[in-house]
PDB file of N, CA and C in Angstrom:
ATOM      1  N   MET A   1     -16.144 -12.842 -61.883  1.00  0.00           N
ATOM      2  CA  MET A   1     -15.470 -13.733 -60.969  1.00  0.00           C
ATOM      3  C   MET A   1     -16.385 -14.074 -59.801  1.00  0.00           C
ATOM      4  N   PHE A   2     -16.858 -13.071 -59.038  1.00  0.00           N
ATOM      5  CA  PHE A   2     -17.782 -13.281 -57.933  1.00  0.00           C
ATOM      6  C   PHE A   2     -18.980 -12.388 -58.151  1.00  0.00           C
ATOM      7  N   PRO A   3     -20.156 -12.790 -57.725  1.00  0.00           N
ATOM      8  CA  PRO A   3     -21.339 -11.939 -57.878  1.00  0.00           C
ATOM      9  C   PRO A   3     -21.130 -10.582 -57.234  1.00  0.00           C
ATOM     10  N   ALA A   4     -21.723  -9.560 -57.826  1.00  0.00           N
ATOM     11  CA  ALA A   4     -21.514  -8.184 -57.370  1.00  0.00           C
ATOM     12  C   ALA A   4     -21.912  -7.977 -55.924  1.00  0.00           C
ATOM     13  N   GLY A   5     -22.867  -8.729 -55.396  1.00  0.00           N
ATOM     14  CA  GLY A   5     -23.314  -8.545 -54.031  1.00  0.00           C
ATOM     15  C   GLY A   5     -22.395  -9.167 -52.990  1.00  0.00           C
ATOM     16  N   ASP A   6     -21.498 -10.038 -53.421  1.00  0.00           N
ATOM     17  CA  ASP A   6     -20.595 -10.685 -52.471  1.00  0.00           C
ATOM     18  C   ASP A   6     -19.528  -9.696 -52.031  1.00  0.00           C
ATOM     19  N   SER A   7     -19.327  -9.588 -50.743  1.00  0.00           N
ATOM     20  CA  SER A   7     -18.273  -8.705 -50.261  1.00  0.00           C
ATOM     21  C   SER A   7     -17.263  -9.532 -49.479  1.00  0.00           C
ATOM     22  N   TYR A   8     -16.058  -9.028 -49.475  1.00  0.00           N
ATOM     23  CA  TYR A   8     -14.970  -9.680 -48.751  1.00  0.00           C
ATOM     24  C   TYR A   8     -13.859  -8.659 -48.591  1.00  0.00           C
ATOM     25  N   ALA A   9     -12.989  -8.930 -47.665  1.00  0.00           N
ATOM     26  CA  ALA A   9     -11.817  -8.082 -47.488  1.00  0.00           C
ATOM     27  C   ALA A   9     -10.692  -8.605 -48.365  1.00  0.00           C
ATOM     28  N   THR A  10      -9.942  -7.693 -48.940  1.00  0.00           N
ATOM     29  CA  THR A  10      -8.751  -8.069 -49.677  1.00  0.00           C
ATOM     30  C   THR A  10      -7.634  -8.299 -48.668  1.00  0.00           C
ATOM     31  N   LEU A  11      -7.130  -9.509 -48.628  1.00  0.00           N
ATOM     32  CA  LEU A  11      -6.074  -9.845 -47.679  1.00  0.00           C
ATOM     33  C   LEU A  11      -4.781  -9.174 -48.108  1.00  0.00           C
ATOM     34  N   GLN A  12      -4.240  -8.329 -47.241  1.00  0.00           N
ATOM     35  CA  GLN A  12      -3.015  -7.584 -47.536  1.00  0.00           C
ATOM     36  C   GLN A  12      -1.769  -8.306 -47.049  1.00  0.00           C
ATOM     37  N   SER A  13      -1.828  -8.838 -45.841  1.00  0.00           N
ATOM     38  CA  SER A  13      -0.635  -9.471 -45.276  1.00  0.00           C
ATOM     39  C   SER A  13      -1.039 -10.427 -44.161  1.00  0.00           C
ATOM     40  N   LEU A  14      -0.171 -11.388 -43.945  1.00  0.00           N
ATOM     41  CA  LEU A  14      -0.325 -12.336 -42.847  1.00  0.00           C
ATOM     42  C   LEU A  14       0.999 -12.368 -42.106  1.00  0.00           C
ATOM     43  N   HIS A  15       0.969 -11.973 -40.833  1.00  0.00           N
ATOM     44  CA  HIS A  15       2.170 -11.954 -39.994  1.00  0.00           C
ATOM     45  C   HIS A  15       2.088 -13.130 -39.028  1.00  0.00           C
ATOM     46  N   LEU A  16       3.140 -13.914 -38.957  1.00  0.00           N
ATOM     47  CA  LEU A  16       3.217 -15.036 -38.025  1.00  0.00           C
ATOM     48  C   LEU A  16       4.197 -14.654 -36.925  1.00  0.00           C
ATOM     49  N   ILE A  17       3.693 -14.588 -35.692  1.00  0.00           N
ATOM     50  CA  ILE A  17       4.499 -14.146 -34.551  1.00  0.00           C
ATOM     51  C   ILE A  17       4.598 -15.276 -33.536  1.00  0.00           C
ATOM     52  N   ASN A  18       5.803 -15.468 -33.013  1.00  0.00           N
ATOM     53  CA  ASN A  18       6.055 -16.497 -32.018  1.00  0.00           C
ATOM     54  C   ASN A  18       6.604 -15.864 -30.744  1.00  0.00           C
ATOM     55  N   PRO A  19       5.768 -15.651 -29.717  1.00  0.00           N
ATOM     56  CA  PRO A  19       6.253 -15.079 -28.460  1.00  0.00           C
ATOM     57  C   PRO A  19       6.845 -16.129 -27.513  1.00  0.00           C
ATOM     58  N   LEU A  20       6.877 -17.390 -27.928  1.00  0.00           N
ATOM     59  CA  LEU A  20       7.400 -18.460 -27.081  1.00  0.00           C
ATOM     60  C   LEU A  20       8.918 -18.387 -27.004  1.00  0.00           C
ATOM     61  N   SER A  21       9.505 -19.138 -26.105  1.00  0.00           N
ATOM     62  CA  SER A  21      10.954 -19.093 -25.905  1.00  0.00           C
ATOM     63  C   SER A  21      11.731 -20.004 -26.846  1.00  0.00           C
ATOM     64  N   GLU A  22      11.038 -20.770 -27.682  1.00  0.00           N
ATOM     65  CA  GLU A  22      11.716 -21.615 -28.655  1.00  0.00           C
ATOM     66  C   GLU A  22      10.999 -21.500 -30.004  1.00  0.00           C
ATOM     67  N   SER A  23      11.711 -21.809 -31.068  1.00  0.00           N
ATOM     68  CA  SER A  23      11.097 -21.705 -32.387  1.00  0.00           C
ATOM     69  C   SER A  23       9.988 -22.744 -32.535  1.00  0.00           C
ATOM     70  N   VAL A  24       9.029 -22.451 -33.414  1.00  0.00           N
ATOM     71  CA  VAL A  24       7.909 -23.354 -33.663  1.00  0.00           C
ATOM     72  C   VAL A  24       7.734 -23.521 -35.167  1.00  0.00           C
ATOM     73  N   THR A  25       7.101 -24.615 -35.542  1.00  0.00           N
ATOM     74  CA  THR A  25       6.799 -24.870 -36.936  1.00  0.00           C
ATOM     75  C   THR A  25       5.290 -24.815 -37.114  1.00  0.00           C
ATOM     76  N   VAL A  26       4.850 -24.086 -38.136  1.00  0.00           N
ATOM     77  CA  VAL A  26       3.420 -23.947 -38.411  1.00  0.00           C
ATOM     78  C   VAL A  26       3.143 -24.262 -39.877  1.00  0.00           C
ATOM     79  N   ASP A  27       1.961 -24.817 -40.111  1.00  0.00           N
ATOM     80  CA  ASP A  27       1.463 -25.026 -41.462  1.00  0.00           C
ATOM     81  C   ASP A  27       0.516 -23.887 -41.791  1.00  0.00           C
ATOM     82  N   VAL A  28       0.684 -23.284 -42.954  1.00  0.00           N
ATOM     83  CA  VAL A  28      -0.190 -22.201 -43.405  1.00  0.00           C
ATOM     84  C   VAL A  28      -0.859 -22.658 -44.694  1.00  0.00           C
ATOM     85  N   ARG A  29      -2.181 -22.595 -44.707  1.00  0.00           N
ATOM     86  CA  ARG A  29      -2.953 -22.905 -45.911  1.00  0.00           C
ATOM     87  C   ARG A  29      -3.920 -21.754 -46.131  1.00  0.00           C
ATOM     88  N   ILE A  30      -3.912 -21.212 -47.318  1.00  0.00           N
ATOM     89  CA  ILE A  30      -4.864 -20.187 -47.716  1.00  0.00           C
ATOM     90  C   ILE A  30      -5.580 -20.740 -48.931  1.00  0.00           C
ATOM     91  N   GLU A  31      -6.913 -20.839 -48.814  1.00  0.00           N
ATOM     92  CA  GLU A  31      -7.654 -21.407 -49.942  1.00  0.00           C
ATOM     93  C   GLU A  31      -8.750 -20.461 -50.410  1.00  0.00           C
ATOM     94  N   ARG A  32      -9.084 -20.605 -51.671  1.00  0.00           N
ATOM     95  CA  ARG A  32     -10.164 -19.820 -52.268  1.00  0.00           C
ATOM     96  C   ARG A  32     -11.497 -20.361 -51.767  1.00  0.00           C
ATOM     97  N   ASP A  33     -12.405 -19.467 -51.390  1.00  0.00           N
ATOM     98  CA  ASP A  33     -13.720 -19.901 -50.911  1.00  0.00           C
ATOM     99  C   ASP A  33     -14.566 -20.528 -52.013  1.00  0.00           C
ATOM    100  N   ASP A  34     -14.397 -20.075 -53.257  1.00  0.00           N
ATOM    101  CA  ASP A  34     -15.249 -20.568 -54.341  1.00  0.00           C
ATOM    102  C   ASP A  34     -14.873 -21.974 -54.802  1.00  0.00           C
ATOM    103  N   THR A  35     -13.604 -22.353 -54.668  1.00  0.00           N
ATOM    104  CA  THR A  35     -13.169 -23.672 -55.158  1.00  0.00           C
ATOM    105  C   THR A  35     -12.572 -24.560 -54.074  1.00  0.00           C
ATOM    106  N   GLU A  36     -12.241 -23.975 -52.937  1.00  0.00           N
ATOM    107  CA  GLU A  36     -11.551 -24.651 -51.840  1.00  0.00           C
ATOM    108  C   GLU A  36     -10.175 -25.179 -52.256  1.00  0.00           C
ATOM    109  N   GLU A  37      -9.655 -24.674 -53.364  1.00  0.00           N
ATOM    110  CA  GLU A  37      -8.302 -25.029 -53.788  1.00  0.00           C
ATOM    111  C   GLU A  37      -7.299 -24.166 -53.040  1.00  0.00           C
ATOM    112  N   ALA A  38      -6.144 -24.754 -52.736  1.00  0.00           N
ATOM    113  CA  ALA A  38      -5.102 -24.026 -52.028  1.00  0.00           C
ATOM    114  C   ALA A  38      -4.495 -22.963 -52.936  1.00  0.00           C
ATOM    115  N   ALA A  39      -4.505 -21.720 -52.469  1.00  0.00           N
ATOM    116  CA  ALA A  39      -3.815 -20.632 -53.154  1.00  0.00           C
ATOM    117  C   ALA A  39      -2.412 -20.476 -52.575  1.00  0.00           C
ATOM    118  N   TYR A  40      -2.228 -20.963 -51.353  1.00  0.00           N
ATOM    119  CA  TYR A  40      -0.928 -20.923 -50.678  1.00  0.00           C
ATOM    120  C   TYR A  40      -0.902 -22.072 -49.693  1.00  0.00           C
ATOM    121  N   LEU A  41       0.185 -22.841 -49.694  1.00  0.00           N
ATOM    122  CA  LEU A  41       0.328 -23.985 -48.792  1.00  0.00           C
ATOM    123  C   LEU A  41       1.809 -24.168 -48.500  1.00  0.00           C
ATOM    124  N   GLU A  42       2.222 -23.811 -47.292  1.00  0.00           N
ATOM    125  CA  GLU A  42       3.630 -23.902 -46.906  1.00  0.00           C
ATOM    126  C   GLU A  42       3.746 -24.211 -45.421  1.00  0.00           C
ATOM    127  N   THR A  43       4.873 -24.774 -45.043  1.00  0.00           N
ATOM    128  CA  THR A  43       5.236 -24.976 -43.646  1.00  0.00           C
ATOM    129  C   THR A  43       6.385 -24.024 -43.345  1.00  0.00           C
ATOM    130  N   HIS A  44       6.280 -23.306 -42.214  1.00  0.00           N
ATOM    131  CA  HIS A  44       7.291 -22.312 -41.849  1.00  0.00           C
ATOM    132  C   HIS A  44       7.785 -22.545 -40.431  1.00  0.00           C
ATOM    133  N   GLU A  45       9.075 -22.335 -40.234  1.00  0.00           N
ATOM    134  CA  GLU A  45       9.620 -22.302 -38.878  1.00  0.00           C
ATOM    135  C   GLU A  45       9.659 -20.839 -38.458  1.00  0.00           C
ATOM    136  N   ILE A  46       9.036 -20.541 -37.321  1.00  0.00           N
ATOM    137  CA  ILE A  46       8.964 -19.168 -36.828  1.00  0.00           C
ATOM    138  C   ILE A  46       9.903 -19.055 -35.636  1.00  0.00           C
ATOM    139  N   LEU A  47      10.880 -18.170 -35.747  1.00  0.00           N
ATOM    140  CA  LEU A  47      11.824 -17.962 -34.661  1.00  0.00           C
ATOM    141  C   LEU A  47      11.126 -17.243 -33.518  1.00  0.00           C
ATOM    142  N   THR A  48      11.825 -17.044 -32.425  1.00  0.00           N
ATOM    143  CA  THR A  48      11.209 -16.407 -31.255  1.00  0.00           C
ATOM    144  C   THR A  48      11.076 -14.903 -31.447  1.00  0.00           C
ATOM    145  N   ASP A  49      10.139 -14.328 -30.677  1.00  0.00           N
ATOM    146  CA  ASP A  49       9.868 -12.895 -30.686  1.00  0.00           C
ATOM    147  C   ASP A  49      11.159 -12.146 -30.381  1.00  0.00           C
ATOM    148  N   PRO A  50      11.539 -11.074 -31.008  1.00  0.00           N
ATOM    149  CA  PRO A  50      10.696 -10.201 -31.807  1.00  0.00           C
ATOM    150  C   PRO A  50      10.652 -10.558 -33.292  1.00  0.00           C
ATOM    151  N   ASP A  51      11.313 -11.635 -33.701  1.00  0.00           N
ATOM    152  CA  ASP A  51      11.248 -12.006 -35.114  1.00  0.00           C
ATOM    153  C   ASP A  51       9.841 -12.453 -35.476  1.00  0.00           C
ATOM    154  N   MET A  52       9.460 -12.183 -36.695  1.00  0.00           N
ATOM    155  CA  MET A  52       8.182 -12.651 -37.209  1.00  0.00           C
ATOM    156  C   MET A  52       8.355 -12.912 -38.691  1.00  0.00           C
ATOM    157  N   LEU A  53       7.463 -13.685 -39.222  1.00  0.00           N
ATOM    158  CA  LEU A  53       7.463 -13.955 -40.653  1.00  0.00           C
ATOM    159  C   LEU A  53       6.267 -13.224 -41.245  1.00  0.00           C
ATOM    160  N   THR A  54       6.499 -12.460 -42.295  1.00  0.00           N
ATOM    161  CA  THR A  54       5.420 -11.736 -42.947  1.00  0.00           C
ATOM    162  C   THR A  54       5.222 -12.289 -44.352  1.00  0.00           C
ATOM    163  N   LEU A  55       3.996 -12.664 -44.645  1.00  0.00           N
ATOM    164  CA  LEU A  55       3.614 -13.099 -45.985  1.00  0.00           C
ATOM    165  C   LEU A  55       2.733 -12.012 -46.565  1.00  0.00           C
ATOM    166  N   ASP A  56       2.983 -11.623 -47.786  1.00  0.00           N
ATOM    167  CA  ASP A  56       2.079 -10.687 -48.434  1.00  0.00           C
ATOM    168  C   ASP A  56       2.000 -10.981 -49.919  1.00  0.00           C
ATOM    169  N   CYS A  57       0.799 -10.835 -50.423  1.00  0.00           N
ATOM    170  CA  CYS A  57       0.515 -10.918 -51.844  1.00  0.00           C
ATOM    171  C   CYS A  57       0.922 -12.249 -52.479  1.00  0.00           C
ATOM    172  N   VAL A  58       0.698 -13.350 -51.801  1.00  0.00           N
ATOM    173  CA  VAL A  58       0.967 -14.669 -52.381  1.00  0.00           C
ATOM    174  C   VAL A  58      -0.349 -15.427 -52.575  1.00  0.00           C
ATOM    175  N   TRP A  59      -1.437 -14.675 -52.773  1.00  0.00           N
ATOM    176  CA  TRP A  59      -2.776 -15.246 -52.910  1.00  0.00           C
ATOM    177  C   TRP A  59      -3.573 -14.359 -53.854  1.00  0.00           C
ATOM    178  N   PRO A  60      -4.651 -14.865 -54.402  1.00  0.00           N
ATOM    179  CA  PRO A  60      -5.472 -14.051 -55.304  1.00  0.00           C
ATOM    180  C   PRO A  60      -6.317 -13.034 -54.540  1.00  0.00           C
ATOM    181  N   ASP A  61      -6.745 -12.002 -55.234  1.00  0.00           N
ATOM    182  CA  ASP A  61      -7.683 -11.033 -54.674  1.00  0.00           C
ATOM    183  C   ASP A  61      -9.074 -11.634 -54.830  1.00  0.00           C
ATOM    184  N   ALA A  62      -9.473 -12.408 -53.839  1.00  0.00           N
ATOM    185  CA  ALA A  62     -10.730 -13.157 -53.867  1.00  0.00           C
ATOM    186  C   ALA A  62     -11.098 -13.502 -52.431  1.00  0.00           C
ATOM    187  N   PRO A  63     -12.334 -13.935 -52.175  1.00  0.00           N
ATOM    188  CA  PRO A  63     -12.678 -14.409 -50.832  1.00  0.00           C
ATOM    189  C   PRO A  63     -11.814 -15.634 -50.489  1.00  0.00           C
ATOM    190  N   LEU A  64     -11.182 -15.571 -49.321  1.00  0.00           N
ATOM    191  CA  LEU A  64     -10.232 -16.606 -48.919  1.00  0.00           C
ATOM    192  C   LEU A  64     -10.542 -17.114 -47.522  1.00  0.00           C
ATOM    193  N   THR A  65     -10.085 -18.315 -47.245  1.00  0.00           N
ATOM    194  CA  THR A  65     -10.058 -18.837 -45.888  1.00  0.00           C
ATOM    195  C   THR A  65      -8.602 -19.041 -45.524  1.00  0.00           C
ATOM    196  N   VAL A  66      -8.187 -18.419 -44.421  1.00  0.00           N
ATOM    197  CA  VAL A  66      -6.812 -18.523 -43.942  1.00  0.00           C
ATOM    198  C   VAL A  66      -6.800 -19.550 -42.819  1.00  0.00           C
ATOM    199  N   MET A  67      -5.900 -20.528 -42.926  1.00  0.00           N
ATOM    200  CA  MET A  67      -5.779 -21.573 -41.914  1.00  0.00           C
ATOM    201  C   MET A  67      -4.331 -21.662 -41.458  1.00  0.00           C
ATOM    202  N   VAL A  68      -4.128 -21.589 -40.160  1.00  0.00           N
ATOM    203  CA  VAL A  68      -2.790 -21.720 -39.595  1.00  0.00           C
ATOM    204  C   VAL A  68      -2.861 -22.763 -38.503  1.00  0.00           C
ATOM    205  N   ARG A  69      -1.888 -23.679 -38.526  1.00  0.00           N
ATOM    206  CA  ARG A  69      -1.881 -24.754 -37.539  1.00  0.00           C
ATOM    207  C   ARG A  69      -0.464 -24.952 -37.024  1.00  0.00           C
ATOM    208  N   HIS A  70      -0.316 -24.885 -35.714  1.00  0.00           N
ATOM    209  CA  HIS A  70       0.928 -25.280 -35.073  1.00  0.00           C
ATOM    210  C   HIS A  70       1.020 -26.782 -35.266  1.00  0.00           C
ATOM    211  N   VAL A  71       2.194 -27.305 -35.594  1.00  0.00           N
ATOM    212  CA  VAL A  71       2.299 -28.726 -35.935  1.00  0.00           C
ATOM    213  C   VAL A  71       1.806 -29.649 -34.826  1.00  0.00           C
ATOM    214  N   ASP A  72       1.757 -29.164 -33.595  1.00  0.00           N
ATOM    215  CA  ASP A  72       1.274 -29.981 -32.489  1.00  0.00           C
ATOM    216  C   ASP A  72      -0.153 -29.629 -32.071  1.00  0.00           C
ATOM    217  N   GLY A  73      -0.844 -28.799 -32.834  1.00  0.00           N
ATOM    218  CA  GLY A  73      -2.151 -28.332 -32.385  1.00  0.00           C
ATOM    219  C   GLY A  73      -3.199 -28.362 -33.467  1.00  0.00           C
ATOM    220  N   GLU A  74      -4.325 -27.729 -33.153  1.00  0.00           N
ATOM    221  CA  GLU A  74      -5.451 -27.665 -34.077  1.00  0.00           C
ATOM    222  C   GLU A  74      -5.282 -26.504 -35.046  1.00  0.00           C
ATOM    223  N   ARG A  75      -5.959 -26.604 -36.153  1.00  0.00           N
ATOM    224  CA  ARG A  75      -5.919 -25.561 -37.174  1.00  0.00           C
ATOM    225  C   ARG A  75      -6.949 -24.490 -36.842  1.00  0.00           C
ATOM    226  N   ASN A  76      -6.530 -23.232 -36.828  1.00  0.00           N
ATOM    227  CA  ASN A  76      -7.450 -22.104 -36.658  1.00  0.00           C
ATOM    228  C   ASN A  76      -7.736 -21.513 -38.028  1.00  0.00           C
ATOM    229  N   THR A  77      -8.965 -21.043 -38.219  1.00  0.00           N
ATOM    230  CA  THR A  77      -9.348 -20.504 -39.520  1.00  0.00           C
ATOM    231  C   THR A  77      -9.938 -19.107 -39.393  1.00  0.00           C
ATOM    232  N   LEU A  78      -9.817 -18.353 -40.471  1.00  0.00           N
ATOM    233  CA  LEU A  78     -10.392 -17.021 -40.560  1.00  0.00           C
ATOM    234  C   LEU A  78     -10.829 -16.835 -42.011  1.00  0.00           C
ATOM    235  N   ALA A  79     -12.058 -16.381 -42.216  1.00  0.00           N
ATOM    236  CA  ALA A  79     -12.596 -16.154 -43.557  1.00  0.00           C
ATOM    237  C   ALA A  79     -12.587 -14.664 -43.869  1.00  0.00           C
ATOM    238  N   THR A  80     -12.008 -14.291 -44.999  1.00  0.00           N
ATOM    239  CA  THR A  80     -11.979 -12.873 -45.371  1.00  0.00           C
ATOM    240  C   THR A  80     -13.368 -12.367 -45.759  1.00  0.00           C
ATOM    241  N   SER A  81     -14.304 -13.279 -46.016  1.00  0.00           N
ATOM    242  CA  SER A  81     -15.672 -12.857 -46.342  1.00  0.00           C
ATOM    243  C   SER A  81     -16.409 -12.318 -45.116  1.00  0.00           C
ATOM    244  N   ASP A  82     -15.852 -12.488 -43.938  1.00  0.00           N
ATOM    245  CA  ASP A  82     -16.434 -11.938 -42.715  1.00  0.00           C
ATOM    246  C   ASP A  82     -16.007 -10.493 -42.479  1.00  0.00           C
ATOM    247  N   TYR A  83     -15.195  -9.939 -43.375  1.00  0.00           N
ATOM    248  CA  TYR A  83     -14.638  -8.597 -43.216  1.00  0.00           C
ATOM    249  C   TYR A  83     -14.866  -7.806 -44.497  1.00  0.00           C
ATOM    250  N   GLU A  84     -14.573  -6.504 -44.439  1.00  0.00           N
ATOM    251  CA  GLU A  84     -14.665  -5.639 -45.609  1.00  0.00           C
ATOM    252  C   GLU A  84     -13.375  -4.861 -45.756  1.00  0.00           C
ATOM    253  N   ASP A  85     -13.244  -4.207 -46.896  1.00  0.00           N
ATOM    254  CA  ASP A  85     -12.104  -3.352 -47.207  1.00  0.00           C
ATOM    255  C   ASP A  85     -10.815  -4.168 -47.293  1.00  0.00           C
ATOM    256  N   CYS A  86      -9.783  -3.700 -46.650  1.00  0.00           N
ATOM    257  CA  CYS A  86      -8.477  -4.355 -46.717  1.00  0.00           C
ATOM    258  C   CYS A  86      -8.107  -4.864 -45.341  1.00  0.00           C
ATOM    259  N   LEU A  87      -7.504  -6.025 -45.307  1.00  0.00           N
ATOM    260  CA  LEU A  87      -7.323  -6.727 -44.043  1.00  0.00           C
ATOM    261  C   LEU A  87      -5.885  -7.189 -43.876  1.00  0.00           C
ATOM    262  N   GLY A  88      -5.343  -6.936 -42.698  1.00  0.00           N
ATOM    263  CA  GLY A  88      -4.071  -7.508 -42.279  1.00  0.00           C
ATOM    264  C   GLY A  88      -4.367  -8.475 -41.148  1.00  0.00           C
ATOM    265  N   ILE A  89      -3.662  -9.592 -41.119  1.00  0.00           N
ATOM    266  CA  ILE A  89      -3.875 -10.601 -40.079  1.00  0.00           C
ATOM    267  C   ILE A  89      -2.560 -10.854 -39.360  1.00  0.00           C
ATOM    268  N   VAL A  90      -2.634 -10.916 -38.041  1.00  0.00           N
ATOM    269  CA  VAL A  90      -1.504 -11.327 -37.222  1.00  0.00           C
ATOM    270  C   VAL A  90      -1.907 -12.643 -36.570  1.00  0.00           C
ATOM    271  N   ALA A  91      -1.114 -13.682 -36.793  1.00  0.00           N
ATOM    272  CA  ALA A  91      -1.355 -14.979 -36.163  1.00  0.00           C
ATOM    273  C   ALA A  91      -0.282 -15.171 -35.105  1.00  0.00           C
ATOM    274  N   GLU A  92      -0.709 -15.189 -33.843  1.00  0.00           N
ATOM    275  CA  GLU A  92       0.222 -15.361 -32.736  1.00  0.00           C
ATOM    276  C   GLU A  92       0.166 -16.810 -32.266  1.00  0.00           C
ATOM    277  N   ILE A  93       1.320 -17.455 -32.270  1.00  0.00           N
ATOM    278  CA  ILE A  93       1.404 -18.846 -31.857  1.00  0.00           C
ATOM    279  C   ILE A  93       1.621 -18.880 -30.345  1.00  0.00           C
ATOM    280  N   ARG A  94       0.755 -19.609 -29.649  1.00  0.00           N
ATOM    281  CA  ARG A  94       0.855 -19.720 -28.191  1.00  0.00           C
ATOM    282  C   ARG A  94       0.870 -21.189 -27.793  1.00  0.00           C
ATOM    283  N   LYS A  95       1.251 -21.462 -26.555  1.00  0.00           N
ATOM    284  CA  LYS A  95       1.272 -22.851 -26.075  1.00  0.00           C
ATOM    285  C   LYS A  95      -0.114 -23.471 -26.101  1.00  0.00           C
ATOM    286  N   ASP A  96      -1.143 -22.665 -25.825  1.00  0.00           N
ATOM    287  CA  ASP A  96      -2.505 -23.186 -25.769  1.00  0.00           C
ATOM    288  C   ASP A  96      -3.231 -23.061 -27.114  1.00  0.00           C
ATOM    289  N   GLY A  97      -2.513 -22.758 -28.172  1.00  0.00           N
ATOM    290  CA  GLY A  97      -3.140 -22.663 -29.480  1.00  0.00           C
ATOM    291  C   GLY A  97      -2.645 -21.464 -30.250  1.00  0.00           C
ATOM    292  N   LEU A  98      -3.485 -20.991 -31.121  1.00  0.00           N
ATOM    293  CA  LEU A  98      -3.136 -19.893 -31.996  1.00  0.00           C
ATOM    294  C   LEU A  98      -4.227 -18.840 -31.912  1.00  0.00           C
ATOM    295  N   SER A  99      -3.840 -17.588 -32.019  1.00  0.00           N
ATOM    296  CA  SER A  99      -4.809 -16.505 -31.940  1.00  0.00           C
ATOM    297  C   SER A  99      -4.641 -15.590 -33.147  1.00  0.00           C
ATOM    298  N   PHE A 100      -5.761 -15.240 -33.799  1.00  0.00           N
ATOM    299  CA  PHE A 100      -5.737 -14.278 -34.894  1.00  0.00           C
ATOM    300  C   PHE A 100      -6.112 -12.900 -34.368  1.00  0.00           C
ATOM    301  N   VAL A 101      -5.393 -11.895 -34.809  1.00  0.00           N
ATOM    302  CA  VAL A 101      -5.746 -10.506 -34.570  1.00  0.00           C
ATOM    303  C   VAL A 101      -5.826  -9.873 -35.953  1.00  0.00           C
ATOM    304  N   THR A 102      -6.886  -9.122 -36.210  1.00  0.00           N
ATOM    305  CA  THR A 102      -7.053  -8.489 -37.517  1.00  0.00           C
ATOM    306  C   THR A 102      -6.979  -6.976 -37.385  1.00  0.00           C
ATOM    307  N   HIS A 103      -6.608  -6.337 -38.471  1.00  0.00           N
ATOM    308  CA  HIS A 103      -6.606  -4.878 -38.504  1.00  0.00           C
ATOM    309  C   HIS A 103      -6.884  -4.427 -39.924  1.00  0.00           C
ATOM    310  N   ASN A 104      -7.541  -3.284 -40.049  1.00  0.00           N
ATOM    311  CA  ASN A 104      -7.753  -2.691 -41.363  1.00  0.00           C
ATOM    312  C   ASN A 104      -6.434  -2.118 -41.841  1.00  0.00           C
ATOM    313  N   SER A 105      -6.230  -2.164 -43.136  1.00  0.00           N
ATOM    314  CA  SER A 105      -5.014  -1.572 -43.661  1.00  0.00           C
ATOM    315  C   SER A 105      -5.321  -0.917 -44.994  1.00  0.00           C
ATOM    316  N   GLU A 106      -4.386  -0.093 -45.462  1.00  0.00           N
ATOM    317  CA  GLU A 106      -4.562   0.526 -46.763  1.00  0.00           C
ATOM    318  C   GLU A 106      -4.423  -0.551 -47.823  1.00  0.00           C
ATOM    319  N   CYS A 107      -4.866  -0.261 -49.004  1.00  0.00           N
ATOM    320  CA  CYS A 107      -4.941  -1.288 -50.047  1.00  0.00           C
ATOM    321  C   CYS A 107      -3.875  -1.184 -51.132  1.00  0.00           C
ATOM    322  N   PRO A 108      -2.630  -1.176 -50.793  1.00  0.00           N
ATOM    323  CA  PRO A 108      -1.648  -1.173 -51.884  1.00  0.00           C
ATOM    324  C   PRO A 108      -1.621  -2.487 -52.649  1.00  0.00           C
ATOM    325  N   ILE A 109      -2.121  -3.566 -52.058  1.00  0.00           N
ATOM    326  CA  ILE A 109      -2.021  -4.868 -52.689  1.00  0.00           C
ATOM    327  C   ILE A 109      -3.263  -5.188 -53.521  1.00  0.00           C
ATOM    328  N   ARG A 110      -4.268  -4.328 -53.504  1.00  0.00           N
ATOM    329  CA  ARG A 110      -5.463  -4.600 -54.302  1.00  0.00           C
ATOM    330  C   ARG A 110      -5.157  -4.541 -55.804  1.00  0.00           C
ATOM    331  N   ALA A 111      -4.034  -3.967 -56.183  1.00  0.00           N
ATOM    332  CA  ALA A 111      -3.678  -3.861 -57.597  1.00  0.00           C
ATOM    333  C   ALA A 111      -3.546  -5.246 -58.222  1.00  0.00           C
ATOM    334  N   ALA A 112      -4.084  -5.414 -59.417  1.00  0.00           N
ATOM    335  CA  ALA A 112      -4.090  -6.712 -60.085  1.00  0.00           C
ATOM    336  C   ALA A 112      -2.699  -7.260 -60.320  1.00  0.00           C
ATOM    337  N   GLU A 113      -1.731  -6.408 -60.621  1.00  0.00           N
ATOM    338  CA  GLU A 113      -0.381  -6.892 -60.921  1.00  0.00           C
ATOM    339  C   GLU A 113       0.265  -7.590 -59.729  1.00  0.00           C
ATOM    340  N   CYS A 114      -0.170  -7.282 -58.537  1.00  0.00           N
ATOM    341  CA  CYS A 114       0.372  -7.949 -57.350  1.00  0.00           C
ATOM    342  C   CYS A 114      -0.011  -9.426 -57.337  1.00  0.00           C
ATOM    343  N   HIS A 115      -1.156  -9.756 -57.878  1.00  0.00           N
ATOM    344  CA  HIS A 115      -1.683 -11.115 -57.788  1.00  0.00           C
ATOM    345  C   HIS A 115      -1.430 -11.943 -59.046  1.00  0.00           C
ATOM    346  N   THR A 116      -0.628 -11.447 -59.979  1.00  0.00           N
ATOM    347  CA  THR A 116      -0.437 -12.172 -61.235  1.00  0.00           C
ATOM    348  C   THR A 116       0.421 -13.425 -61.082  1.00  0.00           C
ATOM    349  N   ALA A 117       1.216 -13.517 -60.041  1.00  0.00           N
ATOM    350  CA  ALA A 117       2.107 -14.669 -59.878  1.00  0.00           C
ATOM    351  C   ALA A 117       1.409 -15.868 -59.240  1.00  0.00           C
ATOM    352  N   VAL A 118       0.155 -15.735 -58.854  1.00  0.00           N
ATOM    353  CA  VAL A 118      -0.557 -16.836 -58.208  1.00  0.00           C
ATOM    354  C   VAL A 118      -1.693 -17.301 -59.092  1.00  0.00           C
ATOM    355  N   ALA A 119      -2.076 -18.538 -58.900  1.00  0.00           N
ATOM    356  CA  ALA A 119      -3.173 -19.105 -59.692  1.00  0.00           C
ATOM    357  C   ALA A 119      -4.479 -18.428 -59.336  1.00  0.00           C
ATOM    358  N   GLU A 120      -5.224 -18.035 -60.331  1.00  0.00           N
ATOM    359  CA  GLU A 120      -6.538 -17.443 -60.076  1.00  0.00           C
ATOM    360  C   GLU A 120      -7.598 -18.295 -60.716  1.00  0.00           C
TER     361      GLU A 120
END
């Protein structure tokens, strides 16, 4: 699938958090780095904090680019090839844009059966 020397983090989860006082709508696109095809493409309404939307295991175990855009703002991107091991991402929606926070996580989602429902 990918050359043995290529490293990337396996994306475990993407949390969308809205600390604003009103709900917001965001576009989420996750694409494969090798083909630039969308592995996940959805628009979500995120309610106010403490509610959050968690996405997990709706993408292939491959190098990915995660893009989140508030409908009124610019798209922020994060490449899993810039990380190693297993990765969790928190995308916080703010008035002045969007901020990604990453954290290492255990790899329960690295199992192949988790990724069978998505196009590879």
